[in-house]
């Protein structure tokens, strides 16, 4: 009991504080209007979840294999993301009985997105486009060029993540590339 009380009095751990900083950064990037307005990612609960999953994936990939501090921060970031999802569900009116089940479904979906993106990025550009199509645009018929633009963004973001010094990430600093531009003169050709 004393250990719990002292942890409560100390406040959030350093890992939790850094995770909150990283989470705020990736949410800001994931909610850039260009993804929804110009690139056609559905501006819905599902679309926002999928954009969040893509950006959480990038941070997780950088922390992967980075020792105990990396593992602790990844867990704290995961916990922060889950807490945010739970709070969002409650704001949407989900009751206590339904929240646990929905969170379980969402965590499974999150893990599935991570596997899909990691597998696709190990392959060629068509693999990345396929993963983006299935995960970001699963509920709509996207523009082919929009899928390509987001797939290039994902690869560029992963390459940038891989180059970032891990000590900076462990201190809560993570860079994303600028949001992608969608050429306005593109003909509407669906995927």
N, C-alpha and C. Protein backbone atom coordinates (compact mmCIF):
# COMPACT_ATOMS: atom_id res chain seq x y z
N UNK A 1 0.82 -1.19 0.00
CA UNK A 1 0.00 0.00 0.00
C UNK A 1 0.86 1.26 0.00
N UNK A 2 1.97 1.21 0.71
CA UNK A 2 2.85 2.38 0.78
C UNK A 2 3.41 2.72 -0.60
N UNK A 3 3.76 1.70 -1.39
CA UNK A 3 4.29 1.93 -2.74
C UNK A 3 3.28 2.63 -3.62
N UNK A 4 2.02 2.21 -3.55
CA UNK A 4 0.97 2.83 -4.34
C UNK A 4 0.77 4.28 -3.92
N UNK A 5 0.72 4.51 -2.62
CA UNK A 5 0.53 5.86 -2.11
C UNK A 5 1.67 6.78 -2.53
N UNK A 6 2.90 6.30 -2.44
CA UNK A 6 4.03 7.15 -2.82
C UNK A 6 4.01 7.44 -4.33
N UNK A 7 3.58 6.45 -5.14
CA UNK A 7 3.49 6.69 -6.59
C UNK A 7 2.41 7.73 -6.89
N UNK A 8 1.29 7.66 -6.18
CA UNK A 8 0.23 8.63 -6.38
C UNK A 8 0.67 10.04 -5.99
N UNK A 9 1.41 10.15 -4.91
CA UNK A 9 1.88 11.45 -4.45
C UNK A 9 2.95 12.04 -5.36
N UNK A 10 3.76 11.17 -5.96
CA UNK A 10 4.81 11.64 -6.88
C UNK A 10 4.22 12.16 -8.18
N UNK A 11 3.05 11.67 -8.57
CA UNK A 11 2.45 12.10 -9.82
C UNK A 11 2.89 11.20 -10.96
N UNK A 12 2.60 11.62 -12.18
CA UNK A 12 2.90 10.79 -13.33
C UNK A 12 4.40 10.55 -13.49
N UNK A 13 4.73 9.36 -13.95
CA UNK A 13 6.14 9.04 -14.18
C UNK A 13 6.67 9.86 -15.35
N UNK A 14 7.99 9.89 -15.45
CA UNK A 14 8.61 10.59 -16.57
C UNK A 14 8.15 9.99 -17.89
N UNK A 15 8.07 8.65 -17.94
CA UNK A 15 7.62 7.98 -19.18
C UNK A 15 6.21 8.41 -19.53
N UNK A 16 5.33 8.53 -18.55
CA UNK A 16 3.95 8.95 -18.81
C UNK A 16 3.89 10.39 -19.30
N UNK A 17 4.71 11.25 -18.72
CA UNK A 17 4.74 12.65 -19.16
C UNK A 17 5.25 12.76 -20.60
N UNK A 18 6.30 12.02 -20.90
CA UNK A 18 6.86 12.04 -22.26
C UNK A 18 5.86 11.43 -23.24
N UNK A 19 5.19 10.34 -22.81
CA UNK A 19 4.18 9.72 -23.68
C UNK A 19 3.06 10.70 -23.99
N UNK A 20 2.64 11.47 -23.00
CA UNK A 20 1.59 12.47 -23.24
C UNK A 20 2.06 13.52 -24.24
N UNK A 21 3.32 13.93 -24.13
CA UNK A 21 3.89 14.90 -25.06
C UNK A 21 3.92 14.32 -26.48
N UNK A 22 4.40 13.09 -26.61
CA UNK A 22 4.44 12.44 -27.93
C UNK A 22 3.03 12.25 -28.49
N UNK A 23 2.11 11.84 -27.63
CA UNK A 23 0.74 11.61 -28.08
C UNK A 23 0.12 12.90 -28.61
N UNK A 24 0.32 13.99 -27.89
CA UNK A 24 -0.21 15.28 -28.36
C UNK A 24 0.39 15.65 -29.71
N UNK A 25 1.67 15.39 -29.87
CA UNK A 25 2.34 15.70 -31.14
C UNK A 25 1.77 14.86 -32.28
N UNK A 26 1.59 13.57 -32.05
CA UNK A 26 1.11 12.72 -33.14
C UNK A 26 -0.36 12.96 -33.43
N UNK A 27 -1.15 13.32 -32.42
CA UNK A 27 -2.55 13.65 -32.67
C UNK A 27 -2.64 14.90 -33.53
N UNK A 28 -1.82 15.89 -33.23
CA UNK A 28 -1.80 17.11 -34.04
C UNK A 28 -1.50 16.78 -35.49
N UNK A 29 -0.52 15.91 -35.73
CA UNK A 29 -0.17 15.53 -37.10
C UNK A 29 -1.29 14.72 -37.75
N UNK A 30 -1.84 13.77 -37.01
CA UNK A 30 -2.88 12.88 -37.56
C UNK A 30 -4.15 13.64 -37.92
N UNK A 31 -4.38 14.76 -37.27
CA UNK A 31 -5.62 15.52 -37.51
C UNK A 31 -5.44 16.68 -38.49
N UNK A 32 -4.32 16.70 -39.19
CA UNK A 32 -4.12 17.75 -40.18
C UNK A 32 -5.26 17.70 -41.20
N UNK A 33 -5.91 18.81 -41.46
CA UNK A 33 -7.08 18.82 -42.36
C UNK A 33 -6.80 18.26 -43.76
N UNK A 34 -5.57 18.37 -44.24
CA UNK A 34 -5.27 17.89 -45.59
C UNK A 34 -5.61 16.41 -45.75
N UNK A 35 -5.42 15.61 -44.72
CA UNK A 35 -5.71 14.18 -44.82
C UNK A 35 -7.20 13.95 -45.10
N UNK A 36 -8.04 14.72 -44.50
CA UNK A 36 -9.48 14.53 -44.60
C UNK A 36 -10.07 15.34 -45.76
N UNK A 37 -9.72 16.60 -45.82
CA UNK A 37 -10.29 17.51 -46.82
C UNK A 37 -9.78 17.20 -48.22
N UNK A 38 -8.47 17.05 -48.38
CA UNK A 38 -7.89 16.92 -49.71
C UNK A 38 -7.64 15.48 -50.12
N UNK A 39 -7.27 14.63 -49.16
CA UNK A 39 -6.88 13.26 -49.50
C UNK A 39 -7.99 12.24 -49.25
N UNK A 40 -9.14 12.69 -48.81
CA UNK A 40 -10.32 11.85 -48.75
C UNK A 40 -10.37 10.81 -47.65
N UNK A 41 -9.49 10.89 -46.64
CA UNK A 41 -9.63 10.00 -45.50
C UNK A 41 -10.97 10.37 -44.85
N UNK A 42 -11.81 9.39 -44.55
CA UNK A 42 -13.12 9.73 -43.97
C UNK A 42 -12.97 10.53 -42.68
N UNK A 43 -13.66 11.66 -42.60
CA UNK A 43 -13.64 12.48 -41.39
C UNK A 43 -14.73 11.94 -40.46
N UNK A 44 -14.42 10.79 -39.89
CA UNK A 44 -15.36 10.06 -39.05
C UNK A 44 -14.56 9.47 -37.88
N UNK A 45 -15.24 8.83 -36.97
CA UNK A 45 -14.55 8.18 -35.85
C UNK A 45 -13.56 7.16 -36.41
N UNK A 46 -13.99 6.37 -37.39
CA UNK A 46 -13.09 5.36 -37.98
C UNK A 46 -11.90 6.00 -38.70
N UNK A 47 -12.17 7.03 -39.48
CA UNK A 47 -11.08 7.69 -40.21
C UNK A 47 -10.07 8.33 -39.27
N UNK A 48 -10.54 8.96 -38.23
CA UNK A 48 -9.63 9.58 -37.26
C UNK A 48 -8.84 8.52 -36.49
N UNK A 49 -9.50 7.41 -36.16
CA UNK A 49 -8.80 6.30 -35.51
C UNK A 49 -7.69 5.79 -36.42
N UNK A 50 -7.99 5.62 -37.70
CA UNK A 50 -6.99 5.08 -38.62
C UNK A 50 -5.82 6.03 -38.84
N UNK A 51 -6.08 7.33 -38.87
CA UNK A 51 -4.98 8.29 -38.98
C UNK A 51 -4.13 8.27 -37.71
N UNK A 52 -4.78 8.16 -36.57
CA UNK A 52 -4.06 8.07 -35.31
C UNK A 52 -3.20 6.81 -35.29
N UNK A 53 -3.77 5.69 -35.71
CA UNK A 53 -3.04 4.41 -35.73
C UNK A 53 -1.79 4.52 -36.61
N UNK A 54 -1.90 5.15 -37.77
CA UNK A 54 -0.76 5.31 -38.66
C UNK A 54 0.37 6.07 -37.97
N UNK A 55 0.03 7.12 -37.26
CA UNK A 55 1.06 7.95 -36.62
C UNK A 55 1.61 7.32 -35.35
N UNK A 56 0.77 6.61 -34.59
CA UNK A 56 1.27 5.87 -33.42
C UNK A 56 2.25 4.80 -33.90
N UNK A 57 1.90 4.14 -35.00
CA UNK A 57 2.78 3.12 -35.57
C UNK A 57 4.19 3.66 -35.81
N UNK A 58 4.29 4.86 -36.35
CA UNK A 58 5.60 5.44 -36.67
C UNK A 58 6.45 5.63 -35.41
N UNK A 59 5.83 6.11 -34.34
CA UNK A 59 6.58 6.29 -33.09
C UNK A 59 6.98 4.94 -32.52
N UNK A 60 6.04 3.99 -32.53
CA UNK A 60 6.35 2.64 -32.03
C UNK A 60 7.50 2.01 -32.79
N UNK A 61 7.52 2.18 -34.09
CA UNK A 61 8.59 1.60 -34.89
C UNK A 61 9.95 2.16 -34.48
N UNK A 62 9.99 3.44 -34.16
CA UNK A 62 11.26 4.04 -33.75
C UNK A 62 11.70 3.55 -32.38
N UNK A 63 10.73 3.26 -31.51
CA UNK A 63 11.06 2.81 -30.15
C UNK A 63 11.36 1.31 -30.09
N UNK A 64 10.99 0.59 -31.11
CA UNK A 64 11.15 -0.86 -31.13
C UNK A 64 12.64 -1.23 -31.02
N UNK A 65 12.94 -2.12 -30.09
CA UNK A 65 14.31 -2.59 -29.92
C UNK A 65 15.26 -1.59 -29.28
N UNK A 66 14.71 -0.60 -28.58
CA UNK A 66 15.55 0.44 -27.99
C UNK A 66 15.72 0.27 -26.48
N UNK A 67 15.70 -0.95 -26.03
CA UNK A 67 15.99 -1.24 -24.64
C UNK A 67 14.83 -0.94 -23.71
N UNK A 68 15.11 -1.03 -22.40
CA UNK A 68 14.05 -0.85 -21.40
C UNK A 68 13.39 0.53 -21.45
N UNK A 69 14.16 1.58 -21.67
CA UNK A 69 13.56 2.92 -21.72
C UNK A 69 12.62 3.04 -22.92
N UNK A 70 13.03 2.47 -24.06
CA UNK A 70 12.18 2.48 -25.24
C UNK A 70 10.91 1.67 -25.01
N UNK A 71 11.05 0.52 -24.37
CA UNK A 71 9.89 -0.33 -24.09
C UNK A 71 8.95 0.35 -23.10
N UNK A 72 9.51 0.99 -22.08
CA UNK A 72 8.67 1.70 -21.10
C UNK A 72 7.91 2.84 -21.75
N UNK A 73 8.58 3.60 -22.60
CA UNK A 73 7.93 4.71 -23.27
C UNK A 73 6.87 4.21 -24.25
N UNK A 74 7.18 3.14 -24.98
CA UNK A 74 6.20 2.57 -25.91
C UNK A 74 4.95 2.13 -25.14
N UNK A 75 5.14 1.48 -23.99
CA UNK A 75 4.00 1.04 -23.19
C UNK A 75 3.21 2.24 -22.67
N UNK A 76 3.91 3.26 -22.21
CA UNK A 76 3.22 4.46 -21.71
C UNK A 76 2.46 5.15 -22.84
N UNK A 77 3.03 5.18 -24.04
CA UNK A 77 2.34 5.78 -25.19
C UNK A 77 1.11 4.95 -25.56
N UNK A 78 1.25 3.64 -25.55
CA UNK A 78 0.13 2.75 -25.83
C UNK A 78 -0.99 2.99 -24.81
N UNK A 79 -0.62 3.05 -23.54
CA UNK A 79 -1.60 3.29 -22.48
C UNK A 79 -2.30 4.64 -22.67
N UNK A 80 -1.53 5.66 -23.04
CA UNK A 80 -2.09 6.98 -23.27
C UNK A 80 -3.08 6.94 -24.43
N UNK A 81 -2.73 6.25 -25.50
CA UNK A 81 -3.63 6.14 -26.66
C UNK A 81 -4.92 5.41 -26.27
N UNK A 82 -4.80 4.34 -25.52
CA UNK A 82 -5.98 3.58 -25.11
C UNK A 82 -6.87 4.43 -24.19
N UNK A 83 -6.25 5.16 -23.26
CA UNK A 83 -7.02 6.03 -22.37
C UNK A 83 -7.77 7.10 -23.17
N UNK A 84 -7.11 7.63 -24.21
CA UNK A 84 -7.75 8.63 -25.05
C UNK A 84 -8.93 8.02 -25.81
N UNK A 85 -8.75 6.80 -26.33
CA UNK A 85 -9.85 6.13 -27.03
C UNK A 85 -11.02 5.89 -26.09
N UNK A 86 -10.71 5.45 -24.88
CA UNK A 86 -11.76 5.21 -23.89
C UNK A 86 -12.52 6.50 -23.58
N UNK A 87 -11.80 7.58 -23.37
CA UNK A 87 -12.44 8.87 -23.09
C UNK A 87 -13.31 9.30 -24.27
N UNK A 88 -12.82 9.09 -25.49
CA UNK A 88 -13.59 9.45 -26.68
C UNK A 88 -14.88 8.64 -26.77
N UNK A 89 -14.79 7.35 -26.49
CA UNK A 89 -15.99 6.51 -26.51
C UNK A 89 -17.01 6.99 -25.48
N UNK A 90 -16.52 7.35 -24.31
CA UNK A 90 -17.43 7.83 -23.26
C UNK A 90 -18.09 9.15 -23.68
N UNK A 91 -17.32 10.02 -24.36
CA UNK A 91 -17.89 11.28 -24.84
C UNK A 91 -18.96 11.03 -25.90
N UNK A 92 -18.80 9.94 -26.66
CA UNK A 92 -19.79 9.59 -27.67
C UNK A 92 -21.00 8.88 -27.08
N UNK A 93 -20.98 8.67 -25.75
CA UNK A 93 -22.14 8.12 -25.08
C UNK A 93 -22.09 6.64 -24.79
N UNK A 94 -20.95 6.00 -24.98
CA UNK A 94 -20.85 4.58 -24.67
C UNK A 94 -20.89 4.39 -23.16
N UNK A 95 -21.67 3.43 -22.71
CA UNK A 95 -21.77 3.13 -21.29
C UNK A 95 -20.65 2.23 -20.83
N UNK A 96 -20.53 2.09 -19.53
CA UNK A 96 -19.47 1.27 -18.94
C UNK A 96 -19.45 -0.14 -19.50
N UNK A 97 -20.62 -0.73 -19.69
CA UNK A 97 -20.68 -2.11 -20.16
C UNK A 97 -20.11 -2.26 -21.58
N UNK A 98 -20.32 -1.28 -22.42
CA UNK A 98 -19.88 -1.38 -23.80
C UNK A 98 -18.46 -0.91 -24.06
N UNK A 99 -17.93 -0.10 -23.17
CA UNK A 99 -16.60 0.49 -23.40
C UNK A 99 -15.52 -0.58 -23.45
N UNK A 100 -15.51 -1.49 -22.50
CA UNK A 100 -14.48 -2.53 -22.46
C UNK A 100 -14.44 -3.35 -23.74
N UNK A 101 -15.59 -3.75 -24.21
CA UNK A 101 -15.67 -4.54 -25.45
C UNK A 101 -15.17 -3.73 -26.65
N UNK A 102 -15.58 -2.48 -26.72
CA UNK A 102 -15.15 -1.63 -27.84
C UNK A 102 -13.64 -1.36 -27.79
N UNK A 103 -13.12 -1.16 -26.60
CA UNK A 103 -11.68 -0.95 -26.46
C UNK A 103 -10.92 -2.19 -26.92
N UNK A 104 -11.40 -3.36 -26.55
CA UNK A 104 -10.76 -4.60 -26.99
C UNK A 104 -10.74 -4.70 -28.52
N UNK A 105 -11.86 -4.37 -29.15
CA UNK A 105 -11.93 -4.39 -30.61
C UNK A 105 -10.96 -3.37 -31.20
N UNK A 106 -10.90 -2.19 -30.60
CA UNK A 106 -10.01 -1.14 -31.10
C UNK A 106 -8.54 -1.51 -30.92
N UNK A 107 -8.19 -2.13 -29.79
CA UNK A 107 -6.79 -2.52 -29.59
C UNK A 107 -6.39 -3.61 -30.58
N UNK A 108 -7.31 -4.52 -30.88
CA UNK A 108 -7.01 -5.54 -31.89
C UNK A 108 -6.83 -4.89 -33.26
N UNK A 109 -7.68 -3.92 -33.56
CA UNK A 109 -7.55 -3.20 -34.83
C UNK A 109 -6.24 -2.43 -34.90
N UNK A 110 -5.86 -1.82 -33.80
CA UNK A 110 -4.60 -1.08 -33.74
C UNK A 110 -3.42 -2.01 -34.02
N UNK A 111 -3.42 -3.15 -33.36
CA UNK A 111 -2.35 -4.14 -33.59
C UNK A 111 -2.34 -4.60 -35.04
N UNK A 112 -3.52 -4.81 -35.60
CA UNK A 112 -3.61 -5.22 -37.00
C UNK A 112 -3.03 -4.18 -37.95
N UNK A 113 -3.30 -2.91 -37.66
CA UNK A 113 -2.74 -1.82 -38.50
C UNK A 113 -1.21 -1.82 -38.41
N UNK A 114 -0.69 -2.00 -37.19
CA UNK A 114 0.77 -2.02 -37.02
C UNK A 114 1.40 -3.12 -37.86
N UNK A 115 0.83 -4.30 -37.81
CA UNK A 115 1.36 -5.44 -38.58
C UNK A 115 1.26 -5.15 -40.08
N UNK A 116 0.13 -4.61 -40.51
CA UNK A 116 -0.08 -4.32 -41.93
C UNK A 116 0.94 -3.30 -42.44
N UNK A 117 1.16 -2.23 -41.68
CA UNK A 117 2.10 -1.21 -42.12
C UNK A 117 3.54 -1.71 -42.09
N UNK A 118 3.89 -2.43 -41.06
CA UNK A 118 5.25 -2.96 -40.97
C UNK A 118 5.53 -3.92 -42.13
N UNK A 119 4.60 -4.80 -42.41
CA UNK A 119 4.75 -5.75 -43.52
C UNK A 119 4.83 -5.02 -44.85
N UNK A 120 3.94 -4.06 -45.05
CA UNK A 120 3.91 -3.33 -46.32
C UNK A 120 5.19 -2.54 -46.54
N UNK A 121 5.69 -1.89 -45.50
CA UNK A 121 6.91 -1.08 -45.65
C UNK A 121 8.14 -1.94 -45.93
N UNK A 122 8.08 -3.21 -45.58
CA UNK A 122 9.17 -4.13 -45.91
C UNK A 122 9.10 -4.55 -47.38
N UNK A 123 8.00 -4.25 -48.04
CA UNK A 123 7.81 -4.62 -49.43
C UNK A 123 8.00 -3.43 -50.36
N UNK A 124 7.26 -3.45 -51.45
CA UNK A 124 7.39 -2.38 -52.44
C UNK A 124 6.27 -1.35 -52.29
N UNK A 125 6.29 -0.35 -53.15
CA UNK A 125 5.33 0.75 -53.04
C UNK A 125 3.89 0.26 -53.23
N UNK A 126 3.67 -0.72 -54.07
CA UNK A 126 2.32 -1.27 -54.25
C UNK A 126 1.81 -1.90 -52.95
N UNK A 127 2.72 -2.52 -52.19
CA UNK A 127 2.33 -3.10 -50.90
C UNK A 127 1.89 -2.00 -49.93
N UNK A 128 2.62 -0.90 -49.94
CA UNK A 128 2.27 0.23 -49.06
C UNK A 128 0.94 0.83 -49.49
N UNK A 129 0.76 1.00 -50.79
CA UNK A 129 -0.51 1.53 -51.29
C UNK A 129 -1.68 0.62 -50.89
N UNK A 130 -1.47 -0.69 -50.99
CA UNK A 130 -2.52 -1.63 -50.60
C UNK A 130 -2.86 -1.53 -49.13
N UNK A 131 -1.85 -1.41 -48.27
CA UNK A 131 -2.10 -1.29 -46.83
C UNK A 131 -2.83 0.02 -46.52
N UNK A 132 -2.43 1.10 -47.18
CA UNK A 132 -3.10 2.39 -46.97
C UNK A 132 -4.55 2.29 -47.45
N UNK A 133 -4.75 1.70 -48.60
CA UNK A 133 -6.11 1.56 -49.17
C UNK A 133 -7.01 0.79 -48.19
N UNK A 134 -6.53 -0.33 -47.71
CA UNK A 134 -7.34 -1.18 -46.83
C UNK A 134 -7.60 -0.53 -45.47
N UNK A 135 -6.61 0.16 -44.94
CA UNK A 135 -6.73 0.65 -43.57
C UNK A 135 -7.27 2.07 -43.46
N UNK A 136 -6.85 2.97 -44.29
CA UNK A 136 -7.35 4.35 -44.20
C UNK A 136 -8.64 4.56 -44.98
N UNK A 137 -8.81 3.81 -46.04
CA UNK A 137 -9.94 4.04 -46.94
C UNK A 137 -10.86 2.82 -47.02
N UNK A 138 -10.89 2.01 -45.97
CA UNK A 138 -11.66 0.78 -46.01
C UNK A 138 -13.16 0.97 -46.14
N UNK A 139 -13.67 2.15 -45.79
CA UNK A 139 -15.11 2.38 -45.84
C UNK A 139 -15.54 3.26 -47.00
N UNK A 140 -14.60 3.69 -47.83
CA UNK A 140 -14.92 4.56 -48.97
C UNK A 140 -14.16 4.09 -50.21
N UNK A 141 -14.54 4.63 -51.33
CA UNK A 141 -13.84 4.36 -52.59
C UNK A 141 -12.90 5.55 -52.84
N UNK A 142 -11.60 5.40 -52.54
CA UNK A 142 -10.70 6.55 -52.61
C UNK A 142 -10.22 6.85 -54.03
N UNK A 143 -9.74 8.05 -54.17
CA UNK A 143 -9.06 8.47 -55.38
C UNK A 143 -7.71 7.77 -55.42
N UNK A 144 -7.35 7.22 -56.55
CA UNK A 144 -6.10 6.49 -56.70
C UNK A 144 -4.89 7.36 -56.36
N UNK A 145 -4.87 8.57 -56.83
CA UNK A 145 -3.73 9.44 -56.55
C UNK A 145 -3.64 9.79 -55.07
N UNK A 146 -4.77 9.92 -54.40
CA UNK A 146 -4.76 10.20 -52.96
C UNK A 146 -4.11 9.03 -52.21
N UNK A 147 -4.44 7.82 -52.59
CA UNK A 147 -3.83 6.64 -51.97
C UNK A 147 -2.32 6.66 -52.18
N UNK A 148 -1.91 6.98 -53.39
CA UNK A 148 -0.47 7.03 -53.69
C UNK A 148 0.23 8.11 -52.87
N UNK A 149 -0.40 9.26 -52.74
CA UNK A 149 0.19 10.37 -51.97
C UNK A 149 0.34 9.96 -50.50
N UNK A 150 -0.68 9.36 -49.93
CA UNK A 150 -0.60 8.96 -48.52
C UNK A 150 0.42 7.83 -48.35
N UNK A 151 0.50 6.92 -49.30
CA UNK A 151 1.49 5.83 -49.22
C UNK A 151 2.91 6.40 -49.28
N UNK A 152 3.14 7.39 -50.14
CA UNK A 152 4.47 8.02 -50.17
C UNK A 152 4.75 8.75 -48.86
N UNK A 153 3.72 9.40 -48.32
CA UNK A 153 3.87 10.08 -47.02
C UNK A 153 4.26 9.07 -45.95
N UNK A 154 3.60 7.93 -45.91
CA UNK A 154 3.90 6.91 -44.91
C UNK A 154 5.34 6.44 -45.04
N UNK A 155 5.79 6.16 -46.25
CA UNK A 155 7.17 5.71 -46.44
C UNK A 155 8.15 6.81 -46.04
N UNK A 156 7.86 8.04 -46.44
CA UNK A 156 8.73 9.17 -46.08
C UNK A 156 8.77 9.36 -44.57
N UNK A 157 7.61 9.24 -43.92
CA UNK A 157 7.55 9.40 -42.46
C UNK A 157 8.32 8.30 -41.76
N UNK A 158 8.24 7.08 -42.27
CA UNK A 158 8.99 5.96 -41.68
C UNK A 158 10.48 6.18 -41.84
N UNK A 159 10.92 6.64 -43.01
CA UNK A 159 12.34 6.91 -43.22
C UNK A 159 12.83 8.03 -42.30
N UNK A 160 12.01 9.06 -42.12
CA UNK A 160 12.36 10.14 -41.21
C UNK A 160 12.42 9.63 -39.77
N UNK A 161 11.46 8.79 -39.39
CA UNK A 161 11.45 8.22 -38.04
C UNK A 161 12.72 7.42 -37.79
N UNK A 162 13.14 6.64 -38.77
CA UNK A 162 14.33 5.81 -38.62
C UNK A 162 15.60 6.63 -38.44
N UNK A 163 15.61 7.85 -38.97
CA UNK A 163 16.81 8.71 -38.87
C UNK A 163 16.85 9.54 -37.59
N UNK A 164 15.76 9.59 -36.87
CA UNK A 164 15.72 10.44 -35.68
C UNK A 164 16.51 9.81 -34.55
N UNK A 165 17.34 10.59 -33.90
CA UNK A 165 18.10 10.05 -32.77
C UNK A 165 17.15 9.56 -31.68
N UNK A 166 17.35 8.33 -31.27
CA UNK A 166 16.43 7.73 -30.30
C UNK A 166 16.44 8.48 -28.97
N UNK A 167 17.57 9.09 -28.60
CA UNK A 167 17.59 9.84 -27.34
C UNK A 167 16.63 11.03 -27.39
N UNK A 168 16.45 11.63 -28.55
CA UNK A 168 15.47 12.72 -28.68
C UNK A 168 14.04 12.19 -28.53
N UNK A 169 13.78 11.05 -29.14
CA UNK A 169 12.44 10.46 -29.03
C UNK A 169 12.16 10.10 -27.57
N UNK A 170 13.16 9.56 -26.89
CA UNK A 170 12.99 9.20 -25.49
C UNK A 170 12.76 10.42 -24.59
N UNK A 171 13.10 11.59 -25.10
CA UNK A 171 12.83 12.83 -24.36
C UNK A 171 11.53 13.50 -24.82
N UNK A 172 10.84 12.87 -25.77
CA UNK A 172 9.53 13.36 -26.19
C UNK A 172 9.50 14.16 -27.47
N UNK A 173 10.58 14.15 -28.22
CA UNK A 173 10.64 14.89 -29.48
C UNK A 173 10.54 13.92 -30.64
N UNK A 174 9.60 14.17 -31.54
CA UNK A 174 9.42 13.30 -32.69
C UNK A 174 8.97 14.17 -33.85
N UNK A 175 9.66 14.02 -34.96
CA UNK A 175 9.34 14.81 -36.15
C UNK A 175 8.55 13.97 -37.14
N UNK A 176 7.58 14.61 -37.75
CA UNK A 176 6.85 14.03 -38.87
C UNK A 176 7.16 14.89 -40.09
N UNK A 177 7.07 14.32 -41.26
CA UNK A 177 7.24 15.17 -42.45
C UNK A 177 6.05 16.13 -42.56
N UNK A 178 6.21 17.17 -43.35
CA UNK A 178 5.05 18.06 -43.57
C UNK A 178 3.89 17.25 -44.13
N UNK A 179 2.67 17.65 -43.82
CA UNK A 179 1.53 16.94 -44.42
C UNK A 179 1.65 16.97 -45.94
N UNK A 180 1.24 15.89 -46.58
CA UNK A 180 1.40 15.82 -48.04
C UNK A 180 0.47 16.80 -48.76
N UNK A 181 0.94 17.24 -49.89
CA UNK A 181 0.11 18.09 -50.76
C UNK A 181 -0.55 17.21 -51.79
N UNK A 182 -1.79 17.50 -52.08
CA UNK A 182 -2.51 16.75 -53.09
C UNK A 182 -2.68 17.63 -54.30
N UNK A 183 -2.16 17.20 -55.45
CA UNK A 183 -2.26 18.04 -56.65
C UNK A 183 -3.73 18.28 -57.01
N UNK A 184 -4.09 19.54 -57.16
CA UNK A 184 -5.48 19.89 -57.44
C UNK A 184 -5.91 19.57 -58.86
N UNK A 185 -4.94 19.36 -59.76
CA UNK A 185 -5.30 19.08 -61.15
C UNK A 185 -5.41 17.58 -61.44
N UNK A 186 -5.44 16.77 -60.41
CA UNK A 186 -5.53 15.33 -60.58
C UNK A 186 -6.95 14.95 -60.99
N UNK A 187 -7.06 14.14 -62.00
CA UNK A 187 -8.39 13.66 -62.39
C UNK A 187 -8.88 12.68 -61.35
N UNK A 188 -10.16 12.60 -61.18
CA UNK A 188 -10.74 11.72 -60.18
C UNK A 188 -10.79 10.30 -60.73
N UNK A 189 -9.80 9.53 -60.35
CA UNK A 189 -9.75 8.12 -60.75
C UNK A 189 -9.74 7.31 -59.46
N UNK A 190 -10.78 6.53 -59.28
CA UNK A 190 -10.89 5.76 -58.06
C UNK A 190 -9.98 4.56 -58.09
N UNK A 191 -9.62 4.14 -56.91
CA UNK A 191 -8.70 3.02 -56.73
C UNK A 191 -9.29 1.73 -57.18
